[in-house]
Amino acid sequence: MKARGFRVLLLTVLLATTISTSVSAESKGFTDVGGLTEKEREQIKVLVDKGIINGYPDGTFRPYDKINRGQLATYLARALDLQMPKTPPRFKDVTVKASTYDGVVKAYGAGLMGEHKEGKFLPGATVSRRSLAVVLEDSLQMKERYPQGANVTYKDIGTLSKREKAAVQRLSHYEIIKPAADGFFRPNQDADRLTMVVALYGLMETRGMLKDFNDYTFDDYFSKVEWIDRKGIKSVSIYPKETLTEWSSQEVREKHSKRSFELLAADFGKDTRWMNTESLYVQYKCHEVFAGSRKVPWNLEPHRTETDYRATVRKSCNP
């Protein structure tokens, strides 16, 4: 077999056997969304397919059911891939067995939602539209600054605090949250599941988080990649971007890892210096997990043949 074909075969086998994949859930035809707009139904489908929000076993979505603080935290954690804080907070009313525990702890750790009072989170409490607006704006501003704000003229905007008004103006500009009806924002009205879907979709779209993994390009992952010579050892020197170093869930990491290495191999694999693809991949994974943004560049050494991940880790990623 020619060297190039052999490298491709190795890469295919490696990616197929070492990277866990998940099939997106297919959105069911919910029986109670016929009265929604086509765009709203599509937004529900996208978020259901991504595992951010679910329907009910009876085939309904219940778009007008109110959401509570525990659910909001869970949706945010999934949508934004929030990280688990090193020291998880403790709440008197959210135990580790609670279905919302993971989301509550992550949202709190990210500074998006705080405790209510006296050490309680109140996961079952409803969420007003004014409170939702503040949480969403904080979520929008996590990574970048989104300074623009619409000059909204809601009839009841005068009832909002300065911070709430700024949040509503910003979210209106980026089409993340909409008025309730008839020119009113209804700040004290409880937010429902449809409001949450539209808001999360708009938030993720504005932040560029709805992009399909296969749409990511070489430049999305690497600021620079070059061949270098270190004391006679040829190496692929990689300068990763935040896309490869800022992640939380295992699933997201694996998908970015697979896509980015495929792009790297497709480009640099054309060079005769590229060898031992399977070993390069475990070196790559090791640097991704243990070096991250703390130790850059990541240097992969093609002459090495070790393919065992644990052995590679023990040898500081270059066995």
C-alpha atoms as a PDB file:
ATOM      1  CA  MET A   1       0.000   0.000   0.000  1.00  0.00           C
ATOM      2  CA  LYS A   2       1.279   3.445  -0.829  1.00  0.00           C
ATOM      3  CA  ALA A   3       2.378   5.570   2.136  1.00  0.00           C
ATOM      4  CA  ARG A   4      -0.344   8.162   1.630  1.00  0.00           C
ATOM      5  CA  GLY A   5      -3.097   5.541   1.449  1.00  0.00           C
ATOM      6  CA  PHE A   6      -1.708   3.792   4.482  1.00  0.00           C
ATOM      7  CA  ARG A   7      -1.730   7.059   6.457  1.00  0.00           C
ATOM      8  CA  VAL A   8      -5.343   7.701   5.496  1.00  0.00           C
ATOM      9  CA  LEU A   9      -6.329   4.153   6.496  1.00  0.00           C
ATOM     10  CA  LEU A  10      -4.637   4.520   9.840  1.00  0.00           C
ATOM     11  CA  LEU A  11      -6.329   7.840  10.435  1.00  0.00           C
ATOM     12  CA  THR A  12      -9.744   6.409   9.554  1.00  0.00           C
ATOM     13  CA  VAL A  13      -9.333   3.403  11.832  1.00  0.00           C
ATOM     14  CA  LEU A  14      -7.954   5.540  14.639  1.00  0.00           C
ATOM     15  CA  LEU A  15     -10.764   8.068  14.553  1.00  0.00           C
ATOM     16  CA  ALA A  16     -13.388   5.377  14.275  1.00  0.00           C
ATOM     17  CA  THR A  17     -12.113   3.398  17.252  1.00  0.00           C
ATOM     18  CA  THR A  18     -10.817   5.993  19.686  1.00  0.00           C
ATOM     19  CA  ILE A  19     -13.338   8.801  19.444  1.00  0.00           C
ATOM     20  CA  SER A  20     -16.752   8.367  20.981  1.00  0.00           C
ATOM     21  CA  THR A  21     -19.510   9.649  18.747  1.00  0.00           C
ATOM     22  CA  SER A  22     -23.133  10.399  19.409  1.00  0.00           C
ATOM     23  CA  VAL A  23     -26.035  10.531  17.033  1.00  0.00           C
ATOM     24  CA  SER A  24     -28.168  13.636  17.361  1.00  0.00           C
ATOM     25  CA  ALA A  25     -31.637  12.843  18.589  1.00  0.00           C
ATOM     26  CA  GLU A  26     -34.283  13.252  15.931  1.00  0.00           C
ATOM     27  CA  SER A  27     -36.925  15.778  16.844  1.00  0.00           C
ATOM     28  CA  LYS A  28     -40.295  14.132  17.078  1.00  0.00           C
ATOM     29  CA  GLY A  29     -43.364  15.703  15.543  1.00  0.00           C
ATOM     30  CA  PHE A  30     -44.700  17.219  18.738  1.00  0.00           C
ATOM     31  CA  THR A  31     -48.487  17.192  18.789  1.00  0.00           C
ATOM     32  CA  ASP A  32     -48.938  20.621  20.358  1.00  0.00           C
ATOM     33  CA  VAL A  33     -46.728  22.929  18.266  1.00  0.00           C
ATOM     34  CA  GLY A  34     -48.992  23.311  15.244  1.00  0.00           C
ATOM     35  CA  GLY A  35     -49.994  26.808  16.313  1.00  0.00           C
ATOM     36  CA  LEU A  36     -46.397  28.043  16.421  1.00  0.00           C
ATOM     37  CA  THR A  37     -44.606  29.736  13.563  1.00  0.00           C
ATOM     38  CA  GLU A  38     -42.422  27.694  11.235  1.00  0.00           C
ATOM     39  CA  LYS A  39     -39.360  29.453  12.648  1.00  0.00           C
ATOM     40  CA  GLU A  40     -40.324  28.615  16.238  1.00  0.00           C
ATOM     41  CA  ARG A  41     -40.853  24.956  15.323  1.00  0.00           C
ATOM     42  CA  GLU A  42     -37.438  24.882  13.640  1.00  0.00           C
ATOM     43  CA  GLN A  43     -35.816  26.455  16.706  1.00  0.00           C
ATOM     44  CA  ILE A  44     -37.406  23.804  18.920  1.00  0.00           C
ATOM     45  CA  LYS A  45     -36.142  21.087  16.570  1.00  0.00           C
ATOM     46  CA  VAL A  46     -32.588  22.432  16.631  1.00  0.00           C
ATOM     47  CA  LEU A  47     -32.421  22.624  20.431  1.00  0.00           C
ATOM     48  CA  VAL A  48     -34.037  19.202  20.868  1.00  0.00           C
ATOM     49  CA  ASP A  49     -31.611  17.664  18.375  1.00  0.00           C
ATOM     50  CA  LYS A  50     -28.719  19.192  20.314  1.00  0.00           C
ATOM     51  CA  GLY A  51     -30.019  17.727  23.581  1.00  0.00           C
ATOM     52  CA  ILE A  52     -30.514  21.130  25.191  1.00  0.00           C
ATOM     53  CA  ILE A  53     -34.232  20.783  25.857  1.00  0.00           C
ATOM     54  CA  ASN A  54     -36.528  17.777  25.591  1.00  0.00           C
ATOM     55  CA  GLY A  55     -40.129  17.027  24.868  1.00  0.00           C
ATOM     56  CA  TYR A  56     -42.388  14.832  26.978  1.00  0.00           C
ATOM     57  CA  PRO A  57     -43.098  11.086  26.721  1.00  0.00           C
ATOM     58  CA  ASP A  58     -46.671  11.753  25.586  1.00  0.00           C
ATOM     59  CA  GLY A  59     -45.404  13.434  22.413  1.00  0.00           C
ATOM     60  CA  THR A  60     -45.992  17.003  23.546  1.00  0.00           C
ATOM     61  CA  PHE A  61     -43.554  19.868  23.903  1.00  0.00           C
ATOM     62  CA  ARG A  62     -45.741  22.102  26.100  1.00  0.00           C
ATOM     63  CA  PRO A  63     -44.378  25.418  24.815  1.00  0.00           C
ATOM     64  CA  TYR A  64     -46.371  27.495  27.269  1.00  0.00           C
ATOM     65  CA  ASP A  65     -45.399  25.640  30.443  1.00  0.00           C
ATOM     66  CA  LYS A  66     -43.513  27.915  32.814  1.00  0.00           C
ATOM     67  CA  ILE A  67     -39.834  27.254  33.436  1.00  0.00           C
ATOM     68  CA  ASN A  68     -38.209  27.293  36.850  1.00  0.00           C
ATOM     69  CA  ARG A  69     -34.758  28.287  38.053  1.00  0.00           C
ATOM     70  CA  GLY A  70     -33.451  24.735  38.053  1.00  0.00           C
ATOM     71  CA  GLN A  71     -34.537  24.200  34.459  1.00  0.00           C
ATOM     72  CA  LEU A  72     -33.097  27.541  33.348  1.00  0.00           C
ATOM     73  CA  ALA A  73     -29.737  26.632  34.887  1.00  0.00           C
ATOM     74  CA  THR A  74     -29.821  23.233  33.167  1.00  0.00           C
ATOM     75  CA  TYR A  75     -30.647  24.697  29.751  1.00  0.00           C
ATOM     76  CA  LEU A  76     -27.894  27.295  30.073  1.00  0.00           C
ATOM     77  CA  ALA A  77     -25.333  24.690  31.121  1.00  0.00           C
ATOM     78  CA  ARG A  78     -26.141  22.541  28.095  1.00  0.00           C
ATOM     79  CA  ALA A  79     -26.408  25.377  25.582  1.00  0.00           C
ATOM     80  CA  LEU A  80     -23.206  27.135  26.659  1.00  0.00           C
ATOM     81  CA  ASP A  81     -21.195  24.034  27.612  1.00  0.00           C
ATOM     82  CA  LEU A  82     -20.554  25.461  31.046  1.00  0.00           C
ATOM     83  CA  GLN A  83     -17.742  23.961  33.104  1.00  0.00           C
ATOM     84  CA  MET A  84     -18.075  22.326  36.470  1.00  0.00           C
ATOM     85  CA  PRO A  85     -16.405  24.641  39.028  1.00  0.00           C
ATOM     86  CA  LYS A  86     -13.387  23.246  40.872  1.00  0.00           C
ATOM     87  CA  THR A  87     -15.205  23.772  44.168  1.00  0.00           C
ATOM     88  CA  PRO A  88     -18.907  23.068  43.600  1.00  0.00           C
ATOM     89  CA  PRO A  89     -21.208  25.198  45.754  1.00  0.00           C
ATOM     90  CA  ARG A  90     -23.584  23.615  48.208  1.00  0.00           C
ATOM     91  CA  PHE A  91     -27.238  24.537  48.371  1.00  0.00           C
ATOM     92  CA  LYS A  92     -29.633  23.427  51.063  1.00  0.00           C
ATOM     93  CA  ASP A  93     -32.302  22.646  48.479  1.00  0.00           C
ATOM     94  CA  VAL A  94     -30.244  21.100  45.615  1.00  0.00           C
ATOM     95  CA  THR A  95     -28.634  17.759  46.441  1.00  0.00           C
ATOM     96  CA  VAL A  96     -26.252  15.830  44.205  1.00  0.00           C
ATOM     97  CA  LYS A  97     -29.140  13.469  43.426  1.00  0.00           C
ATOM     98  CA  ALA A  98     -31.299  16.255  42.021  1.00  0.00           C
ATOM     99  CA  SER A  99     -31.876  16.123  38.257  1.00  0.00           C
ATOM    100  CA  THR A 100     -30.922  19.803  38.010  1.00  0.00           C
ATOM    101  CA  TYR A 101     -27.805  19.555  40.195  1.00  0.00           C
ATOM    102  CA  ASP A 102     -25.296  19.587  37.342  1.00  0.00           C
ATOM    103  CA  GLY A 103     -26.887  22.585  35.650  1.00  0.00           C
ATOM    104  CA  VAL A 104     -27.368  24.545  38.854  1.00  0.00           C
ATOM    105  CA  VAL A 105     -23.763  24.096  39.934  1.00  0.00           C
ATOM    106  CA  LYS A 106     -22.380  24.985  36.490  1.00  0.00           C
ATOM    107  CA  ALA A 107     -24.593  28.059  36.057  1.00  0.00           C
ATOM    108  CA  TYR A 108     -23.672  29.244  39.531  1.00  0.00           C
ATOM    109  CA  GLY A 109     -19.981  28.573  38.899  1.00  0.00           C
ATOM    110  CA  ALA A 110     -20.119  30.602  35.686  1.00  0.00           C
ATOM    111  CA  GLY A 111     -21.612  33.536  37.577  1.00  0.00           C
ATOM    112  CA  LEU A 112     -24.849  33.454  35.612  1.00  0.00           C
ATOM    113  CA  MET A 113     -27.159  32.545  38.463  1.00  0.00           C
ATOM    114  CA  GLY A 114     -26.620  33.069  42.173  1.00  0.00           C
ATOM    115  CA  GLU A 115     -28.189  31.628  45.258  1.00  0.00           C
ATOM    116  CA  HIS A 116     -31.493  33.133  46.248  1.00  0.00           C
ATOM    117  CA  LYS A 117     -30.973  33.542  49.974  1.00  0.00           C
ATOM    118  CA  GLU A 118     -29.944  31.679  53.113  1.00  0.00           C
ATOM    119  CA  GLY A 119     -27.938  29.119  51.149  1.00  0.00           C
ATOM    120  CA  LYS A 120     -30.864  28.125  48.952  1.00  0.00           C
ATOM    121  CA  PHE A 121     -31.067  28.153  45.163  1.00  0.00           C
ATOM    122  CA  LEU A 122     -34.855  27.719  44.927  1.00  0.00           C
ATOM    123  CA  PRO A 123     -34.729  25.485  41.831  1.00  0.00           C
ATOM    124  CA  GLY A 124     -38.514  25.221  41.671  1.00  0.00           C
ATOM    125  CA  ALA A 125     -39.150  28.973  41.625  1.00  0.00           C
ATOM    126  CA  THR A 126     -40.491  30.447  38.396  1.00  0.00           C
ATOM    127  CA  VAL A 127     -38.386  32.886  36.346  1.00  0.00           C
ATOM    128  CA  SER A 128     -39.734  36.316  35.471  1.00  0.00           C
ATOM    129  CA  ARG A 129     -38.970  37.832  32.089  1.00  0.00           C
ATOM    130  CA  ARG A 130     -36.991  40.622  33.754  1.00  0.00           C
ATOM    131  CA  SER A 131     -34.822  38.090  35.588  1.00  0.00           C
ATOM    132  CA  LEU A 132     -34.398  36.043  32.423  1.00  0.00           C
ATOM    133  CA  ALA A 133     -33.223  39.127  30.534  1.00  0.00           C
ATOM    134  CA  VAL A 134     -30.423  39.779  33.020  1.00  0.00           C
ATOM    135  CA  VAL A 135     -29.268  36.151  32.979  1.00  0.00           C
ATOM    136  CA  LEU A 136     -29.302  36.067  29.183  1.00  0.00           C
ATOM    137  CA  GLU A 137     -27.321  39.277  28.872  1.00  0.00           C
ATOM    138  CA  ASP A 138     -24.680  37.950  31.256  1.00  0.00           C
ATOM    139  CA  SER A 139     -24.587  34.782  29.139  1.00  0.00           C
ATOM    140  CA  LEU A 140     -24.160  36.839  25.981  1.00  0.00           C
ATOM    141  CA  GLN A 141     -21.208  38.778  27.374  1.00  0.00           C
ATOM    142  CA  MET A 142     -19.252  35.764  28.701  1.00  0.00           C
ATOM    143  CA  LYS A 143     -16.653  35.508  25.914  1.00  0.00           C
ATOM    144  CA  GLU A 144     -16.926  38.726  23.937  1.00  0.00           C
ATOM    145  CA  ARG A 145     -18.415  42.184  24.273  1.00  0.00           C
ATOM    146  CA  TYR A 146     -21.708  42.799  22.499  1.00  0.00           C
ATOM    147  CA  PRO A 147     -22.166  46.545  23.026  1.00  0.00           C
ATOM    148  CA  GLN A 148     -25.078  47.341  20.745  1.00  0.00           C
ATOM    149  CA  GLY A 149     -28.528  48.020  22.136  1.00  0.00           C
ATOM    150  CA  ALA A 150     -31.839  48.744  20.445  1.00  0.00           C
ATOM    151  CA  ASN A 151     -33.792  51.868  21.327  1.00  0.00           C
ATOM    152  CA  VAL A 152     -36.839  49.868  22.373  1.00  0.00           C
ATOM    153  CA  THR A 153     -40.138  51.592  23.106  1.00  0.00           C
ATOM    154  CA  TYR A 154     -41.992  48.999  25.143  1.00  0.00           C
ATOM    155  CA  LYS A 155     -44.861  50.640  26.969  1.00  0.00           C
ATOM    156  CA  ASP A 156     -43.766  49.231  30.321  1.00  0.00           C
ATOM    157  CA  ILE A 157     -39.986  49.673  30.020  1.00  0.00           C
ATOM    158  CA  GLY A 158     -40.136  52.382  32.679  1.00  0.00           C
ATOM    159  CA  THR A 159     -40.772  49.697  35.288  1.00  0.00           C
ATOM    160  CA  LEU A 160     -37.362  48.125  34.654  1.00  0.00           C
ATOM    161  CA  SER A 161     -34.234  48.898  36.657  1.00  0.00           C
ATOM    162  CA  LYS A 162     -31.278  50.462  34.852  1.00  0.00           C
ATOM    163  CA  ARG A 163     -29.551  47.097  34.520  1.00  0.00           C
ATOM    164  CA  GLU A 164     -32.713  45.332  33.368  1.00  0.00           C
ATOM    165  CA  LYS A 165     -33.413  48.037  30.796  1.00  0.00           C
ATOM    166  CA  ALA A 166     -29.879  47.766  29.401  1.00  0.00           C
ATOM    167  CA  ALA A 167     -30.264  43.973  29.185  1.00  0.00           C
ATOM    168  CA  VAL A 168     -33.605  44.220  27.378  1.00  0.00           C
ATOM    169  CA  GLN A 169     -32.212  46.782  24.925  1.00  0.00           C
ATOM    170  CA  ARG A 170     -29.174  44.612  24.182  1.00  0.00           C
ATOM    171  CA  LEU A 171     -31.145  41.393  23.802  1.00  0.00           C
ATOM    172  CA  SER A 172     -33.703  43.137  21.597  1.00  0.00           C
ATOM    173  CA  HIS A 173     -30.952  44.395  19.305  1.00  0.00           C
ATOM    174  CA  TYR A 174     -29.528  40.897  18.860  1.00  0.00           C
ATOM    175  CA  GLU A 175     -33.059  39.426  18.593  1.00  0.00           C
ATOM    176  CA  ILE A 176     -32.540  37.148  21.588  1.00  0.00           C
ATOM    177  CA  ILE A 177     -35.648  38.140  23.511  1.00  0.00           C
ATOM    178  CA  LYS A 178     -38.869  39.597  22.162  1.00  0.00           C
ATOM    179  CA  PRO A 179     -41.722  41.706  23.535  1.00  0.00           C
ATOM    180  CA  ALA A 180     -44.614  39.801  25.062  1.00  0.00           C
ATOM    181  CA  ALA A 181     -47.426  41.357  22.993  1.00  0.00           C
ATOM    182  CA  ASP A 182     -49.007  44.646  21.972  1.00  0.00           C
ATOM    183  CA  GLY A 183     -45.860  46.681  22.594  1.00  0.00           C
ATOM    184  CA  PHE A 184     -45.390  45.451  26.179  1.00  0.00           C
ATOM    185  CA  PHE A 185     -42.373  43.598  27.536  1.00  0.00           C
ATOM    186  CA  ARG A 186     -44.267  42.213  30.555  1.00  0.00           C
ATOM    187  CA  PRO A 187     -41.227  42.090  32.887  1.00  0.00           C
ATOM    188  CA  ASN A 188     -43.118  40.397  35.715  1.00  0.00           C
ATOM    189  CA  GLN A 189     -44.659  37.704  33.549  1.00  0.00           C
ATOM    190  CA  ASP A 190     -43.229  34.227  34.085  1.00  0.00           C
ATOM    191  CA  ALA A 191     -41.071  32.940  31.224  1.00  0.00           C
ATOM    192  CA  ASP A 192     -42.284  29.807  29.432  1.00  0.00           C
ATOM    193  CA  ARG A 193     -40.558  27.068  27.442  1.00  0.00           C
ATOM    194  CA  LEU A 194     -41.169  28.754  24.096  1.00  0.00           C
ATOM    195  CA  THR A 195     -39.643  32.014  25.343  1.00  0.00           C
ATOM    196  CA  MET A 196     -36.660  30.001  26.574  1.00  0.00           C
ATOM    197  CA  VAL A 197     -36.227  28.205  23.229  1.00  0.00           C
ATOM    198  CA  VAL A 198     -36.353  31.424  21.190  1.00  0.00           C
ATOM    199  CA  ALA A 199     -33.939  33.132  23.603  1.00  0.00           C
ATOM    200  CA  LEU A 200     -31.427  30.271  23.721  1.00  0.00           C
ATOM    201  CA  TYR A 201     -31.510  29.874  19.952  1.00  0.00           C
ATOM    202  CA  GLY A 202     -30.881  33.600  19.498  1.00  0.00           C
ATOM    203  CA  LEU A 203     -28.131  33.563  22.126  1.00  0.00           C
ATOM    204  CA  MET A 204     -26.328  30.621  20.549  1.00  0.00           C
ATOM    205  CA  GLU A 205     -26.755  32.013  17.041  1.00  0.00           C
ATOM    206  CA  THR A 206     -25.341  35.402  18.073  1.00  0.00           C
ATOM    207  CA  ARG A 207     -22.365  33.741  19.749  1.00  0.00           C
ATOM    208  CA  GLY A 208     -21.739  31.487  16.741  1.00  0.00           C
ATOM    209  CA  MET A 209     -22.555  28.305  18.651  1.00  0.00           C
ATOM    210  CA  LEU A 210     -24.999  26.789  16.170  1.00  0.00           C
ATOM    211  CA  LYS A 211     -22.293  26.066  13.653  1.00  0.00           C
ATOM    212  CA  ASP A 212     -22.085  22.412  12.604  1.00  0.00           C
ATOM    213  CA  PHE A 213     -18.813  20.729  13.561  1.00  0.00           C
ATOM    214  CA  ASN A 214     -18.177  19.809   9.941  1.00  0.00           C
ATOM    215  CA  ASP A 215     -18.334  23.496   9.034  1.00  0.00           C
ATOM    216  CA  TYR A 216     -15.271  24.302  11.149  1.00  0.00           C
ATOM    217  CA  THR A 217     -12.163  25.056   9.113  1.00  0.00           C
ATOM    218  CA  PHE A 218      -8.443  24.774   9.727  1.00  0.00           C
ATOM    219  CA  ASP A 219      -8.334  28.460  10.678  1.00  0.00           C
ATOM    220  CA  ASP A 220     -11.048  27.963  13.307  1.00  0.00           C
ATOM    221  CA  TYR A 221      -8.711  25.673  15.230  1.00  0.00           C
ATOM    222  CA  PHE A 222      -5.158  26.832  14.603  1.00  0.00           C
ATOM    223  CA  SER A 223      -3.496  30.235  14.585  1.00  0.00           C
ATOM    224  CA  LYS A 224      -0.310  28.687  13.205  1.00  0.00           C
ATOM    225  CA  VAL A 225       1.042  25.243  12.365  1.00  0.00           C
ATOM    226  CA  GLU A 226       4.540  24.696  11.022  1.00  0.00           C
ATOM    227  CA  TRP A 227       7.300  22.144  10.662  1.00  0.00           C
ATOM    228  CA  ILE A 228      10.220  22.774  12.972  1.00  0.00           C
ATOM    229  CA  ASP A 229      13.570  21.119  13.649  1.00  0.00           C
ATOM    230  CA  ARG A 230      14.402  20.633  17.332  1.00  0.00           C
ATOM    231  CA  LYS A 231      17.921  19.257  17.705  1.00  0.00           C
ATOM    232  CA  GLY A 232      17.528  17.224  14.545  1.00  0.00           C
ATOM    233  CA  ILE A 233      13.985  16.041  15.407  1.00  0.00           C
ATOM    234  CA  LYS A 234      11.318  17.020  12.911  1.00  0.00           C
ATOM    235  CA  SER A 235       8.126  18.146  14.631  1.00  0.00           C
ATOM    236  CA  VAL A 236       4.738  19.582  13.758  1.00  0.00           C
ATOM    237  CA  SER A 237       4.456  22.699  15.917  1.00  0.00           C
ATOM    238  CA  ILE A 238       0.839  23.656  16.660  1.00  0.00           C
ATOM    239  CA  TYR A 239      -0.552  26.914  18.032  1.00  0.00           C
ATOM    240  CA  PRO A 240      -4.171  26.101  18.974  1.00  0.00           C
ATOM    241  CA  LYS A 241      -7.006  28.587  19.171  1.00  0.00           C
ATOM    242  CA  GLU A 242      -9.537  28.841  21.990  1.00  0.00           C
ATOM    243  CA  THR A 243     -11.845  26.432  20.163  1.00  0.00           C
ATOM    244  CA  LEU A 244      -9.446  23.624  21.152  1.00  0.00           C
ATOM    245  CA  THR A 245      -8.582  24.804  24.639  1.00  0.00           C
ATOM    246  CA  GLU A 246     -11.878  26.153  26.032  1.00  0.00           C
ATOM    247  CA  TRP A 247     -14.334  23.308  26.327  1.00  0.00           C
ATOM    248  CA  SER A 248     -16.307  21.596  29.060  1.00  0.00           C
ATOM    249  CA  SER A 249     -18.222  18.500  28.029  1.00  0.00           C
ATOM    250  CA  GLN A 250     -16.495  15.351  26.848  1.00  0.00           C
ATOM    251  CA  GLU A 251     -18.766  15.154  23.824  1.00  0.00           C
ATOM    252  CA  VAL A 252     -17.851  18.634  22.585  1.00  0.00           C
ATOM    253  CA  ARG A 253     -14.149  18.016  23.160  1.00  0.00           C
ATOM    254  CA  GLU A 254     -14.232  14.765  21.215  1.00  0.00           C
ATOM    255  CA  LYS A 255     -16.035  16.310  18.257  1.00  0.00           C
ATOM    256  CA  HIS A 256     -13.638  19.235  18.022  1.00  0.00           C
ATOM    257  CA  SER A 257     -10.692  16.896  18.500  1.00  0.00           C
ATOM    258  CA  LYS A 258     -11.817  14.649  15.669  1.00  0.00           C
ATOM    259  CA  ARG A 259     -12.567  17.480  13.274  1.00  0.00           C
ATOM    260  CA  SER A 260      -9.390  19.454  13.998  1.00  0.00           C
ATOM    261  CA  PHE A 261      -7.074  16.449  13.653  1.00  0.00           C
ATOM    262  CA  GLU A 262      -8.774  15.446  10.407  1.00  0.00           C
ATOM    263  CA  LEU A 263      -8.028  18.926   9.037  1.00  0.00           C
ATOM    264  CA  LEU A 264      -4.463  18.836  10.349  1.00  0.00           C
ATOM    265  CA  ALA A 265      -3.806  15.430   8.793  1.00  0.00           C
ATOM    266  CA  ALA A 266      -5.416  16.430   5.503  1.00  0.00           C
ATOM    267  CA  ASP A 267      -3.081  19.409   5.203  1.00  0.00           C
ATOM    268  CA  PHE A 268       0.209  18.304   6.775  1.00  0.00           C
ATOM    269  CA  GLY A 269      -0.247  14.631   5.900  1.00  0.00           C
ATOM    270  CA  LYS A 270       0.743  15.488   2.339  1.00  0.00           C
ATOM    271  CA  ASP A 271       4.302  16.077   3.518  1.00  0.00           C
ATOM    272  CA  THR A 272       6.764  13.182   3.479  1.00  0.00           C
ATOM    273  CA  ARG A 273       7.781  14.119   7.013  1.00  0.00           C
ATOM    274  CA  TRP A 274       4.312  13.113   8.240  1.00  0.00           C
ATOM    275  CA  MET A 275       4.481   9.536   9.566  1.00  0.00           C
ATOM    276  CA  ASN A 276       2.894   7.306  12.189  1.00  0.00           C
ATOM    277  CA  THR A 277      -0.546   8.930  12.126  1.00  0.00           C
ATOM    278  CA  GLU A 278      -1.853   6.845  15.003  1.00  0.00           C
ATOM    279  CA  SER A 279       1.012   7.911  17.249  1.00  0.00           C
ATOM    280  CA  LEU A 280       0.606  11.529  16.176  1.00  0.00           C
ATOM    281  CA  TYR A 281      -3.031  11.383  17.155  1.00  0.00           C
ATOM    282  CA  VAL A 282      -2.400  10.150  20.696  1.00  0.00           C
ATOM    283  CA  GLN A 283       0.301  12.834  21.052  1.00  0.00           C
ATOM    284  CA  TYR A 284      -2.265  15.355  19.826  1.00  0.00           C
ATOM    285  CA  LYS A 285      -4.895  14.179  22.307  1.00  0.00           C
ATOM    286  CA  CYS A 286      -2.376  14.273  25.124  1.00  0.00           C
ATOM    287  CA  HIS A 287      -1.408  17.872  24.371  1.00  0.00           C
ATOM    288  CA  GLU A 288      -5.035  18.875  23.975  1.00  0.00           C
ATOM    289  CA  VAL A 289      -6.017  17.488  27.377  1.00  0.00           C
ATOM    290  CA  PHE A 290      -2.929  18.204  29.459  1.00  0.00           C
ATOM    291  CA  ALA A 291      -1.227  21.157  27.773  1.00  0.00           C
ATOM    292  CA  GLY A 292      -4.227  23.092  26.504  1.00  0.00           C
ATOM    293  CA  SER A 293      -3.509  26.809  26.421  1.00  0.00           C
ATOM    294  CA  ARG A 294      -1.039  26.522  29.318  1.00  0.00           C
ATOM    295  CA  LYS A 295       1.829  25.120  27.263  1.00  0.00           C
ATOM    296  CA  VAL A 296       1.966  26.266  23.662  1.00  0.00           C
ATOM    297  CA  PRO A 297       3.002  25.250  21.065  1.00  0.00           C
ATOM    298  CA  TRP A 298       2.043  21.600  20.987  1.00  0.00           C
ATOM    299  CA  ASN A 299       4.888  19.727  19.304  1.00  0.00           C
ATOM    300  CA  LEU A 300       4.048  16.411  17.662  1.00  0.00           C
ATOM    301  CA  GLU A 301       6.946  14.172  16.650  1.00  0.00           C
ATOM    302  CA  PRO A 302       6.212  11.936  13.629  1.00  0.00           C
ATOM    303  CA  HIS A 303       9.151   9.583  14.184  1.00  0.00           C
ATOM    304  CA  ARG A 304       7.597   8.243  17.378  1.00  0.00           C
ATOM    305  CA  THR A 305       5.608   5.018  17.131  1.00  0.00           C
ATOM    306  CA  GLU A 306       3.896   4.693  20.533  1.00  0.00           C
ATOM    307  CA  THR A 307       0.148   4.354  20.061  1.00  0.00           C
ATOM    308  CA  ASP A 308      -0.943   3.662  23.639  1.00  0.00           C
ATOM    309  CA  TYR A 309      -2.554   6.782  25.091  1.00  0.00           C
ATOM    310  CA  ARG A 310      -1.628   6.091  28.715  1.00  0.00           C
ATOM    311  CA  ALA A 311       1.972   5.393  27.823  1.00  0.00           C
ATOM    312  CA  THR A 312       2.017   8.635  25.857  1.00  0.00           C
ATOM    313  CA  VAL A 313       0.685  10.569  28.834  1.00  0.00           C
ATOM    314  CA  ARG A 314       3.304   9.055  31.118  1.00  0.00           C
ATOM    315  CA  LYS A 315       6.000  10.283  28.740  1.00  0.00           C
ATOM    316  CA  SER A 316       4.693  13.874  28.777  1.00  0.00           C
ATOM    317  CA  CYS A 317       2.965  13.464  25.393  1.00  0.00           C
ATOM    318  CA  ASN A 318       6.116  12.652  23.381  1.00  0.00           C
ATOM    319  CA  PRO A 319       6.881   8.979  24.194  1.00  0.00           C
END
